[in-house]
Amino acid sequence: MSEIRKKAMTRLVLCAVALVACIIFSVLLLSGTFDGKTGGSKPASGDTISSSAPAEGVDDPTADSFTAESTPAEETPAEPEATPEPTPEPTPVPEYEGLSVQPTTYYNEGEQPTYTVTDSNNLNMRGGPGTDYDKIGQVPASTGVTALGANEDGSWVVVNYNGTYGWLKTEFLNG
């Protein structure tokens, strides 16, 4: 064999080896086996590498349609997984001891309205929002009280006067 043919054969073999290496490297990249990260898993012997579908983030040149926006080929860092927010425990509704009827509206601390009993009347505290409920105490005229809750229409409020819970008619309170 002539010297020129030997050099040509050597170059041809080197090109063939380089082509095979490029094909293997491309298949490994597309399959995600060789993604540049350390500690990645490698296919075991006997595993086949399928390149029928393009890897995520790589445009498929054989696709029938292309979009104007293409995904960049470089890998973007994965966002940390969002941990679900813990569901807050519902705030327990207070039970006002001694009342026949509990309020339908509860005022949060700091948002409780304050009232003063009118000057001309001592006001009866009732076990429920109405005069047909038992009288359970009395609040003197001109006394300040804080509403803890109210009935549906706000015409009666629950207060704590001298350690006793009771209902007062808002008609006889100054706000």
N, C-alpha and C. Protein backbone atom coordinates (compact mmCIF):
# COMPACT_ATOMS: atom_id res chain seq x y z
N MET A 1 0.85 -1.16 0.00
CA MET A 1 0.00 0.00 0.00
C MET A 1 0.91 1.23 0.00
N SER A 2 0.49 2.21 -0.76
CA SER A 2 1.32 3.40 -0.88
C SER A 2 1.19 4.26 0.37
N GLU A 3 2.12 5.13 0.55
CA GLU A 3 2.16 6.02 1.72
C GLU A 3 0.94 6.94 1.75
N ILE A 4 0.48 7.42 0.64
CA ILE A 4 -0.67 8.32 0.57
C ILE A 4 -1.93 7.57 0.97
N ARG A 5 -2.07 6.30 0.54
CA ARG A 5 -3.25 5.53 0.91
C ARG A 5 -3.25 5.24 2.41
N LYS A 6 -2.11 5.00 3.03
CA LYS A 6 -2.03 4.76 4.47
C LYS A 6 -2.50 5.99 5.24
N LYS A 7 -2.04 7.16 4.82
CA LYS A 7 -2.44 8.40 5.50
C LYS A 7 -3.95 8.64 5.33
N ALA A 8 -4.46 8.37 4.16
CA ALA A 8 -5.89 8.55 3.91
C ALA A 8 -6.71 7.60 4.76
N MET A 9 -6.29 6.33 4.86
CA MET A 9 -7.00 5.34 5.68
C MET A 9 -6.95 5.74 7.16
N THR A 10 -5.82 6.24 7.60
CA THR A 10 -5.67 6.66 9.00
C THR A 10 -6.63 7.80 9.29
N ARG A 11 -6.68 8.77 8.40
CA ARG A 11 -7.59 9.91 8.59
C ARG A 11 -9.05 9.46 8.56
N LEU A 12 -9.36 8.52 7.68
CA LEU A 12 -10.72 8.01 7.58
C LEU A 12 -11.12 7.28 8.86
N VAL A 13 -10.24 6.48 9.42
CA VAL A 13 -10.52 5.76 10.66
C VAL A 13 -10.68 6.77 11.81
N LEU A 14 -9.83 7.78 11.88
CA LEU A 14 -9.94 8.79 12.93
C LEU A 14 -11.27 9.54 12.82
N CYS A 15 -11.67 9.89 11.63
CA CYS A 15 -12.96 10.56 11.43
C CYS A 15 -14.12 9.66 11.84
N ALA A 16 -14.04 8.38 11.51
CA ALA A 16 -15.10 7.43 11.88
C ALA A 16 -15.19 7.30 13.40
N VAL A 17 -14.05 7.22 14.08
CA VAL A 17 -14.03 7.12 15.55
C VAL A 17 -14.61 8.40 16.16
N ALA A 18 -14.24 9.56 15.63
CA ALA A 18 -14.77 10.83 16.13
C ALA A 18 -16.27 10.91 15.92
N LEU A 19 -16.76 10.44 14.77
CA LEU A 19 -18.19 10.45 14.48
C LEU A 19 -18.95 9.55 15.45
N VAL A 20 -18.44 8.35 15.71
CA VAL A 20 -19.07 7.42 16.66
C VAL A 20 -19.08 8.04 18.06
N ALA A 21 -17.98 8.68 18.47
CA ALA A 21 -17.91 9.31 19.80
C ALA A 21 -18.93 10.44 19.90
N CYS A 22 -19.09 11.24 18.83
CA CYS A 22 -20.08 12.32 18.84
C CYS A 22 -21.50 11.77 18.95
N ILE A 23 -21.79 10.70 18.26
CA ILE A 23 -23.12 10.10 18.31
C ILE A 23 -23.41 9.57 19.71
N ILE A 24 -22.45 8.88 20.30
CA ILE A 24 -22.64 8.34 21.67
C ILE A 24 -22.83 9.48 22.66
N PHE A 25 -22.01 10.51 22.57
CA PHE A 25 -22.11 11.65 23.47
C PHE A 25 -23.48 12.34 23.32
N SER A 26 -23.96 12.51 22.10
CA SER A 26 -25.26 13.13 21.85
C SER A 26 -26.39 12.31 22.45
N VAL A 27 -26.34 11.00 22.26
CA VAL A 27 -27.37 10.12 22.81
C VAL A 27 -27.36 10.19 24.34
N LEU A 28 -26.20 10.22 24.95
CA LEU A 28 -26.11 10.32 26.40
C LEU A 28 -26.66 11.65 26.90
N LEU A 29 -26.38 12.72 26.19
CA LEU A 29 -26.92 14.02 26.58
C LEU A 29 -28.43 14.07 26.45
N LEU A 30 -28.95 13.57 25.34
CA LEU A 30 -30.40 13.59 25.12
C LEU A 30 -31.15 12.71 26.09
N SER A 31 -30.57 11.62 26.49
CA SER A 31 -31.25 10.71 27.43
C SER A 31 -31.13 11.18 28.87
N GLY A 32 -30.28 12.18 29.12
CA GLY A 32 -30.13 12.69 30.49
C GLY A 32 -29.14 11.90 31.30
N THR A 33 -28.53 10.89 30.72
CA THR A 33 -27.56 10.08 31.46
C THR A 33 -26.28 10.86 31.73
N PHE A 34 -25.89 11.66 30.77
CA PHE A 34 -24.66 12.44 30.89
C PHE A 34 -25.05 13.91 30.83
N ASP A 35 -25.50 14.45 32.00
CA ASP A 35 -26.00 15.82 32.01
C ASP A 35 -25.03 16.81 32.64
N GLY A 36 -23.83 16.36 32.94
CA GLY A 36 -22.83 17.26 33.48
C GLY A 36 -22.86 17.36 34.99
N LYS A 37 -23.80 16.70 35.63
CA LYS A 37 -23.87 16.72 37.09
C LYS A 37 -23.09 15.55 37.63
N THR A 38 -22.49 15.76 38.80
CA THR A 38 -21.74 14.66 39.41
C THR A 38 -22.69 13.74 40.14
N GLY A 39 -22.31 12.50 40.25
CA GLY A 39 -23.12 11.53 40.99
C GLY A 39 -24.33 11.06 40.23
N GLY A 40 -24.44 11.34 38.94
CA GLY A 40 -25.59 10.90 38.15
C GLY A 40 -25.53 9.41 37.92
N SER A 41 -26.66 8.82 37.64
CA SER A 41 -26.68 7.38 37.40
C SER A 41 -26.31 7.09 35.96
N LYS A 42 -25.67 5.96 35.75
CA LYS A 42 -25.29 5.52 34.41
C LYS A 42 -26.11 4.29 34.08
N PRO A 43 -26.42 4.09 32.83
CA PRO A 43 -27.20 2.90 32.50
C PRO A 43 -26.38 1.65 32.76
N ALA A 44 -27.07 0.65 33.31
CA ALA A 44 -26.41 -0.62 33.58
C ALA A 44 -26.19 -1.35 32.26
N SER A 45 -25.31 -2.32 32.31
CA SER A 45 -25.04 -3.06 31.08
C SER A 45 -26.32 -3.80 30.68
N GLY A 46 -26.61 -3.79 29.42
CA GLY A 46 -27.83 -4.42 28.93
C GLY A 46 -28.96 -3.43 28.78
N ASP A 47 -28.85 -2.20 29.40
CA ASP A 47 -29.89 -1.18 29.25
C ASP A 47 -29.78 -0.58 27.86
N THR A 48 -30.91 -0.26 27.30
CA THR A 48 -30.89 0.38 25.99
C THR A 48 -31.22 1.84 26.17
N ILE A 49 -30.63 2.65 25.35
CA ILE A 49 -30.86 4.08 25.41
C ILE A 49 -31.74 4.44 24.23
N SER A 50 -32.90 4.99 24.54
CA SER A 50 -33.84 5.34 23.48
C SER A 50 -33.73 6.83 23.21
N SER A 51 -33.66 7.18 21.96
CA SER A 51 -33.61 8.60 21.61
C SER A 51 -34.80 8.96 20.73
N SER A 52 -35.93 8.26 20.93
CA SER A 52 -37.09 8.51 20.09
C SER A 52 -37.76 9.84 20.43
N ALA A 53 -37.66 10.30 21.67
CA ALA A 53 -38.25 11.57 22.05
C ALA A 53 -37.14 12.50 22.49
N PRO A 54 -37.21 13.77 22.11
CA PRO A 54 -36.15 14.69 22.52
C PRO A 54 -36.21 14.93 24.02
N ALA A 55 -35.05 15.21 24.61
CA ALA A 55 -34.98 15.48 26.04
C ALA A 55 -35.69 16.80 26.33
N GLU A 56 -36.11 16.96 27.58
CA GLU A 56 -36.80 18.17 27.97
C GLU A 56 -35.88 19.37 27.77
N GLY A 57 -36.41 20.44 27.22
CA GLY A 57 -35.63 21.64 27.00
C GLY A 57 -34.89 21.65 25.68
N VAL A 58 -35.04 20.60 24.84
CA VAL A 58 -34.37 20.53 23.55
C VAL A 58 -35.43 20.55 22.47
N ASP A 59 -35.26 21.43 21.51
CA ASP A 59 -36.22 21.52 20.40
C ASP A 59 -36.09 20.28 19.52
N ASP A 60 -37.21 19.76 19.05
CA ASP A 60 -37.23 18.60 18.17
C ASP A 60 -37.23 19.09 16.72
N PRO A 61 -36.12 18.91 16.00
CA PRO A 61 -36.08 19.41 14.62
C PRO A 61 -37.00 18.65 13.68
N THR A 62 -37.52 17.50 14.11
CA THR A 62 -38.41 16.73 13.24
C THR A 62 -39.87 17.06 13.48
N ALA A 63 -40.13 17.96 14.40
CA ALA A 63 -41.52 18.31 14.72
C ALA A 63 -42.15 19.02 13.54
N ASP A 64 -43.50 18.88 13.43
CA ASP A 64 -44.21 19.48 12.31
C ASP A 64 -44.34 20.99 12.44
N SER A 65 -44.43 21.49 13.68
CA SER A 65 -44.57 22.94 13.86
C SER A 65 -43.62 23.41 14.93
N PHE A 66 -43.23 24.63 14.80
CA PHE A 66 -42.31 25.24 15.76
C PHE A 66 -42.96 26.49 16.32
N THR A 67 -42.62 26.83 17.56
CA THR A 67 -43.14 28.05 18.15
C THR A 67 -42.07 29.12 18.07
N ALA A 68 -42.51 30.37 18.18
CA ALA A 68 -41.56 31.48 18.11
C ALA A 68 -40.61 31.45 19.28
N GLU A 69 -41.11 31.00 20.44
CA GLU A 69 -40.25 30.91 21.62
C GLU A 69 -39.68 29.51 21.69
N SER A 70 -38.38 29.43 21.81
CA SER A 70 -37.77 28.13 21.96
C SER A 70 -37.14 28.06 23.33
N THR A 71 -37.14 26.89 23.91
CA THR A 71 -36.56 26.68 25.21
C THR A 71 -35.05 26.70 25.08
N PRO A 72 -34.34 27.41 25.94
CA PRO A 72 -32.89 27.42 25.83
C PRO A 72 -32.33 26.03 26.08
N ALA A 73 -31.26 25.71 25.36
CA ALA A 73 -30.67 24.38 25.47
C ALA A 73 -29.94 24.20 26.79
N GLU A 74 -29.48 25.30 27.37
CA GLU A 74 -28.76 25.16 28.63
C GLU A 74 -29.75 24.91 29.75
N GLU A 75 -29.32 24.14 30.71
CA GLU A 75 -30.20 23.73 31.79
C GLU A 75 -30.34 24.86 32.79
N THR A 76 -31.58 25.18 33.16
CA THR A 76 -31.81 26.20 34.18
C THR A 76 -31.87 25.51 35.52
N PRO A 77 -31.42 26.19 36.58
CA PRO A 77 -31.44 25.55 37.90
C PRO A 77 -32.87 25.26 38.33
N ALA A 78 -33.05 24.10 38.92
CA ALA A 78 -34.38 23.69 39.36
C ALA A 78 -34.81 24.54 40.54
N GLU A 79 -36.08 24.94 40.51
CA GLU A 79 -36.61 25.71 41.63
C GLU A 79 -36.83 24.77 42.80
N PRO A 80 -36.58 25.25 44.02
CA PRO A 80 -36.82 24.38 45.17
C PRO A 80 -38.30 24.06 45.27
N GLU A 81 -38.60 22.85 45.69
CA GLU A 81 -39.99 22.44 45.80
C GLU A 81 -40.66 23.25 46.89
N ALA A 82 -41.84 23.74 46.57
CA ALA A 82 -42.58 24.52 47.55
C ALA A 82 -43.25 23.56 48.53
N THR A 83 -43.00 23.82 49.79
CA THR A 83 -43.66 23.00 50.80
C THR A 83 -45.02 23.62 51.07
N PRO A 84 -46.04 22.80 51.19
CA PRO A 84 -47.38 23.34 51.41
C PRO A 84 -47.45 24.06 52.74
N GLU A 85 -48.17 25.18 52.73
CA GLU A 85 -48.37 25.95 53.95
C GLU A 85 -49.23 25.12 54.91
N PRO A 86 -48.84 25.10 56.18
CA PRO A 86 -49.69 24.35 57.11
C PRO A 86 -51.04 25.05 57.26
N THR A 87 -52.07 24.26 57.33
CA THR A 87 -53.41 24.81 57.49
C THR A 87 -53.56 25.28 58.93
N PRO A 88 -53.88 26.56 59.11
CA PRO A 88 -54.00 27.05 60.49
C PRO A 88 -55.22 26.43 61.16
N GLU A 89 -55.04 26.17 62.43
CA GLU A 89 -56.15 25.64 63.22
C GLU A 89 -57.19 26.74 63.38
N PRO A 90 -58.46 26.42 63.23
CA PRO A 90 -59.48 27.46 63.41
C PRO A 90 -59.49 27.95 64.85
N THR A 91 -59.71 29.25 64.99
CA THR A 91 -59.77 29.82 66.33
C THR A 91 -61.05 29.34 66.99
N PRO A 92 -60.90 28.75 68.18
CA PRO A 92 -62.11 28.26 68.84
C PRO A 92 -63.04 29.41 69.20
N VAL A 93 -64.33 29.18 69.01
CA VAL A 93 -65.34 30.18 69.35
C VAL A 93 -65.58 30.09 70.85
N PRO A 94 -65.52 31.24 71.54
CA PRO A 94 -65.72 31.18 72.99
C PRO A 94 -67.16 30.81 73.36
N GLU A 95 -67.29 30.11 74.46
CA GLU A 95 -68.61 29.78 75.02
C GLU A 95 -68.77 30.69 76.23
N TYR A 96 -69.78 31.52 76.19
CA TYR A 96 -70.02 32.41 77.32
C TYR A 96 -70.94 31.71 78.30
N GLU A 97 -70.38 31.37 79.46
CA GLU A 97 -71.07 30.60 80.48
C GLU A 97 -72.27 31.37 81.04
N GLY A 98 -73.36 30.67 81.23
CA GLY A 98 -74.56 31.24 81.84
C GLY A 98 -75.54 31.82 80.84
N LEU A 99 -75.20 31.82 79.54
CA LEU A 99 -76.12 32.37 78.55
C LEU A 99 -76.98 31.26 77.97
N SER A 100 -78.24 31.56 77.73
CA SER A 100 -79.14 30.62 77.08
C SER A 100 -78.86 30.56 75.59
N VAL A 101 -78.45 31.70 75.01
CA VAL A 101 -78.17 31.80 73.58
C VAL A 101 -76.78 32.41 73.42
N GLN A 102 -75.95 31.77 72.59
CA GLN A 102 -74.61 32.30 72.29
C GLN A 102 -74.72 33.29 71.13
N PRO A 103 -73.80 34.27 71.04
CA PRO A 103 -73.88 35.25 69.95
C PRO A 103 -73.58 34.61 68.59
N THR A 104 -74.11 35.20 67.53
CA THR A 104 -73.82 34.74 66.17
C THR A 104 -72.59 35.46 65.61
N THR A 105 -72.26 36.63 66.15
CA THR A 105 -71.08 37.40 65.75
C THR A 105 -70.18 37.54 66.96
N TYR A 106 -68.90 37.25 66.78
CA TYR A 106 -67.91 37.40 67.84
C TYR A 106 -66.93 38.48 67.43
N TYR A 107 -66.60 39.38 68.36
CA TYR A 107 -65.65 40.44 68.07
C TYR A 107 -64.26 40.01 68.52
N ASN A 108 -63.27 40.23 67.65
CA ASN A 108 -61.88 39.92 68.01
C ASN A 108 -61.38 40.93 69.02
N GLU A 109 -60.43 40.49 69.83
CA GLU A 109 -59.83 41.38 70.80
C GLU A 109 -59.19 42.55 70.05
N GLY A 110 -59.40 43.75 70.54
CA GLY A 110 -58.90 44.95 69.88
C GLY A 110 -59.90 45.54 68.89
N GLU A 111 -60.92 44.77 68.50
CA GLU A 111 -61.95 45.24 67.58
C GLU A 111 -63.31 45.29 68.26
N GLN A 112 -63.30 45.12 69.59
CA GLN A 112 -64.56 45.07 70.33
C GLN A 112 -65.08 46.49 70.57
N PRO A 113 -66.32 46.75 70.18
CA PRO A 113 -66.88 48.09 70.41
C PRO A 113 -67.18 48.31 71.89
N THR A 114 -67.03 49.57 72.31
CA THR A 114 -67.36 49.92 73.70
C THR A 114 -68.61 50.78 73.71
N TYR A 115 -69.39 50.59 74.76
CA TYR A 115 -70.64 51.33 74.91
C TYR A 115 -70.73 51.86 76.33
N THR A 116 -71.65 52.81 76.52
CA THR A 116 -71.98 53.31 77.85
C THR A 116 -73.49 53.19 78.01
N VAL A 117 -73.89 52.65 79.16
CA VAL A 117 -75.33 52.54 79.45
C VAL A 117 -75.88 53.96 79.57
N THR A 118 -77.08 54.18 79.02
CA THR A 118 -77.67 55.53 79.06
C THR A 118 -77.78 56.05 80.49
N ASP A 119 -77.78 57.37 80.64
CA ASP A 119 -77.79 58.01 81.97
C ASP A 119 -79.06 57.73 82.76
N SER A 120 -80.17 57.56 82.08
CA SER A 120 -81.45 57.50 82.77
C SER A 120 -81.87 56.09 83.19
N ASN A 121 -81.15 55.04 82.78
CA ASN A 121 -81.63 53.68 83.06
C ASN A 121 -80.54 52.79 83.62
N ASN A 122 -80.92 51.95 84.59
CA ASN A 122 -80.12 50.77 84.92
C ASN A 122 -80.58 49.73 83.91
N LEU A 123 -79.66 48.98 83.34
CA LEU A 123 -80.02 48.10 82.24
C LEU A 123 -79.95 46.64 82.70
N ASN A 124 -81.02 45.89 82.44
CA ASN A 124 -81.05 44.47 82.79
C ASN A 124 -80.23 43.65 81.80
N MET A 125 -79.39 42.75 82.33
CA MET A 125 -78.68 41.78 81.48
C MET A 125 -79.55 40.55 81.39
N ARG A 126 -79.66 40.00 80.19
CA ARG A 126 -80.52 38.85 79.94
C ARG A 126 -79.71 37.64 79.50
N GLY A 127 -80.30 36.45 79.61
CA GLY A 127 -79.66 35.20 79.20
C GLY A 127 -79.67 34.99 77.70
N GLY A 128 -80.42 35.81 76.98
CA GLY A 128 -80.50 35.73 75.53
C GLY A 128 -80.91 37.07 74.96
N PRO A 129 -80.92 37.20 73.65
CA PRO A 129 -81.24 38.48 73.01
C PRO A 129 -82.74 38.74 72.92
N GLY A 130 -83.35 39.08 74.05
CA GLY A 130 -84.79 39.38 74.08
C GLY A 130 -85.26 39.50 75.51
N THR A 131 -86.36 40.21 75.69
CA THR A 131 -86.90 40.41 77.04
C THR A 131 -87.59 39.17 77.58
N ASP A 132 -87.82 38.18 76.72
CA ASP A 132 -88.44 36.95 77.19
C ASP A 132 -87.42 36.01 77.85
N TYR A 133 -86.12 36.34 77.80
CA TYR A 133 -85.08 35.54 78.48
C TYR A 133 -84.94 36.02 79.92
N ASP A 134 -84.43 35.12 80.78
CA ASP A 134 -84.28 35.42 82.20
C ASP A 134 -83.33 36.59 82.43
N LYS A 135 -83.64 37.39 83.45
CA LYS A 135 -82.76 38.46 83.89
C LYS A 135 -81.66 37.81 84.73
N ILE A 136 -80.38 38.07 84.34
CA ILE A 136 -79.28 37.44 85.08
C ILE A 136 -78.37 38.47 85.76
N GLY A 137 -78.69 39.74 85.63
CA GLY A 137 -77.91 40.79 86.28
C GLY A 137 -78.40 42.15 85.84
N GLN A 138 -77.71 43.20 86.38
CA GLN A 138 -78.09 44.56 86.04
C GLN A 138 -76.83 45.41 85.95
N VAL A 139 -76.79 46.30 84.94
CA VAL A 139 -75.66 47.22 84.76
C VAL A 139 -76.18 48.61 85.08
N PRO A 140 -75.51 49.31 86.04
CA PRO A 140 -75.98 50.65 86.44
C PRO A 140 -75.87 51.67 85.30
N ALA A 141 -76.67 52.72 85.37
CA ALA A 141 -76.66 53.80 84.38
C ALA A 141 -75.26 54.41 84.31
N SER A 142 -74.86 54.88 83.12
CA SER A 142 -73.58 55.54 82.84
C SER A 142 -72.35 54.64 83.00
N THR A 143 -72.55 53.34 83.00
CA THR A 143 -71.44 52.40 83.13
C THR A 143 -70.93 52.02 81.74
N GLY A 144 -69.61 51.99 81.59
CA GLY A 144 -69.02 51.58 80.31
C GLY A 144 -68.91 50.06 80.23
N VAL A 145 -69.21 49.51 79.06
CA VAL A 145 -69.13 48.06 78.83
C VAL A 145 -68.48 47.81 77.45
N THR A 146 -67.89 46.64 77.30
CA THR A 146 -67.28 46.24 76.03
C THR A 146 -68.06 45.07 75.46
N ALA A 147 -68.45 45.19 74.20
CA ALA A 147 -69.21 44.12 73.54
C ALA A 147 -68.27 43.01 73.12
N LEU A 148 -68.62 41.77 73.45
CA LEU A 148 -67.84 40.59 73.08
C LEU A 148 -68.41 39.90 71.85
N GLY A 149 -69.70 40.11 71.62
CA GLY A 149 -70.39 39.49 70.50
C GLY A 149 -71.74 40.13 70.32
N ALA A 150 -72.46 39.71 69.28
CA ALA A 150 -73.77 40.30 68.99
C ALA A 150 -74.66 39.26 68.33
N ASN A 151 -75.97 39.56 68.30
CA ASN A 151 -76.90 38.71 67.56
C ASN A 151 -76.83 39.06 66.08
N GLU A 152 -77.62 38.39 65.25
CA GLU A 152 -77.54 38.55 63.79
C GLU A 152 -77.71 39.99 63.32
N ASP A 153 -78.68 40.70 63.87
CA ASP A 153 -78.94 42.06 63.39
C ASP A 153 -78.23 43.13 64.22
N GLY A 154 -77.47 42.75 65.23
CA GLY A 154 -76.71 43.70 66.04
C GLY A 154 -77.55 44.49 67.03
N SER A 155 -78.80 44.08 67.26
CA SER A 155 -79.67 44.83 68.17
C SER A 155 -79.40 44.48 69.63
N TRP A 156 -78.72 43.37 69.89
CA TRP A 156 -78.33 42.95 71.23
C TRP A 156 -76.84 42.59 71.20
N VAL A 157 -76.14 42.88 72.30
CA VAL A 157 -74.71 42.54 72.42
C VAL A 157 -74.47 41.76 73.70
N VAL A 158 -73.42 40.92 73.67
CA VAL A 158 -73.00 40.19 74.86
C VAL A 158 -71.88 40.98 75.52
N VAL A 159 -72.00 41.17 76.84
CA VAL A 159 -70.97 41.86 77.61
C VAL A 159 -70.61 41.02 78.83
N ASN A 160 -69.50 41.38 79.46
CA ASN A 160 -69.12 40.77 80.73
C ASN A 160 -69.08 41.91 81.74
N TYR A 161 -70.02 41.86 82.69
CA TYR A 161 -70.05 42.89 83.73
C TYR A 161 -69.89 42.20 85.08
N ASN A 162 -68.85 42.58 85.81
CA ASN A 162 -68.54 42.00 87.13
C ASN A 162 -68.46 40.47 87.09
N GLY A 163 -67.87 39.91 86.04
CA GLY A 163 -67.68 38.47 85.93
C GLY A 163 -68.89 37.70 85.44
N THR A 164 -69.95 38.39 85.06
CA THR A 164 -71.16 37.73 84.56
C THR A 164 -71.38 38.13 83.11
N TYR A 165 -71.61 37.11 82.26
CA TYR A 165 -71.92 37.37 80.86
C TYR A 165 -73.42 37.57 80.72
N GLY A 166 -73.80 38.54 79.89
CA GLY A 166 -75.22 38.77 79.64
C GLY A 166 -75.43 39.59 78.39
N TRP A 167 -76.69 39.60 77.95
CA TRP A 167 -77.10 40.31 76.75
C TRP A 167 -77.67 41.67 77.15
N LEU A 168 -77.29 42.75 76.39
CA LEU A 168 -77.83 44.08 76.59
C LEU A 168 -78.40 44.58 75.28
N LYS A 169 -79.53 45.28 75.34
CA LYS A 169 -80.17 45.86 74.16
C LYS A 169 -79.39 47.12 73.76
N THR A 170 -78.93 47.17 72.50
CA THR A 170 -78.10 48.30 72.03
C THR A 170 -78.91 49.62 71.99
N GLU A 171 -80.21 49.51 71.98
CA GLU A 171 -81.06 50.70 71.97
C GLU A 171 -80.84 51.56 73.22
N PHE A 172 -80.40 50.91 74.32
CA PHE A 172 -80.19 51.61 75.58
C PHE A 172 -78.71 51.82 75.88
N LEU A 173 -77.89 51.74 74.83
CA LEU A 173 -76.45 51.96 74.97
C LEU A 173 -76.02 53.11 74.07
N ASN A 174 -75.07 53.91 74.56
CA ASN A 174 -74.48 54.97 73.74
C ASN A 174 -73.14 54.46 73.23
N GLY A 175 -72.93 54.54 71.92
CA GLY A 175 -71.68 54.03 71.32
C GLY A 175 -70.76 55.11 71.09
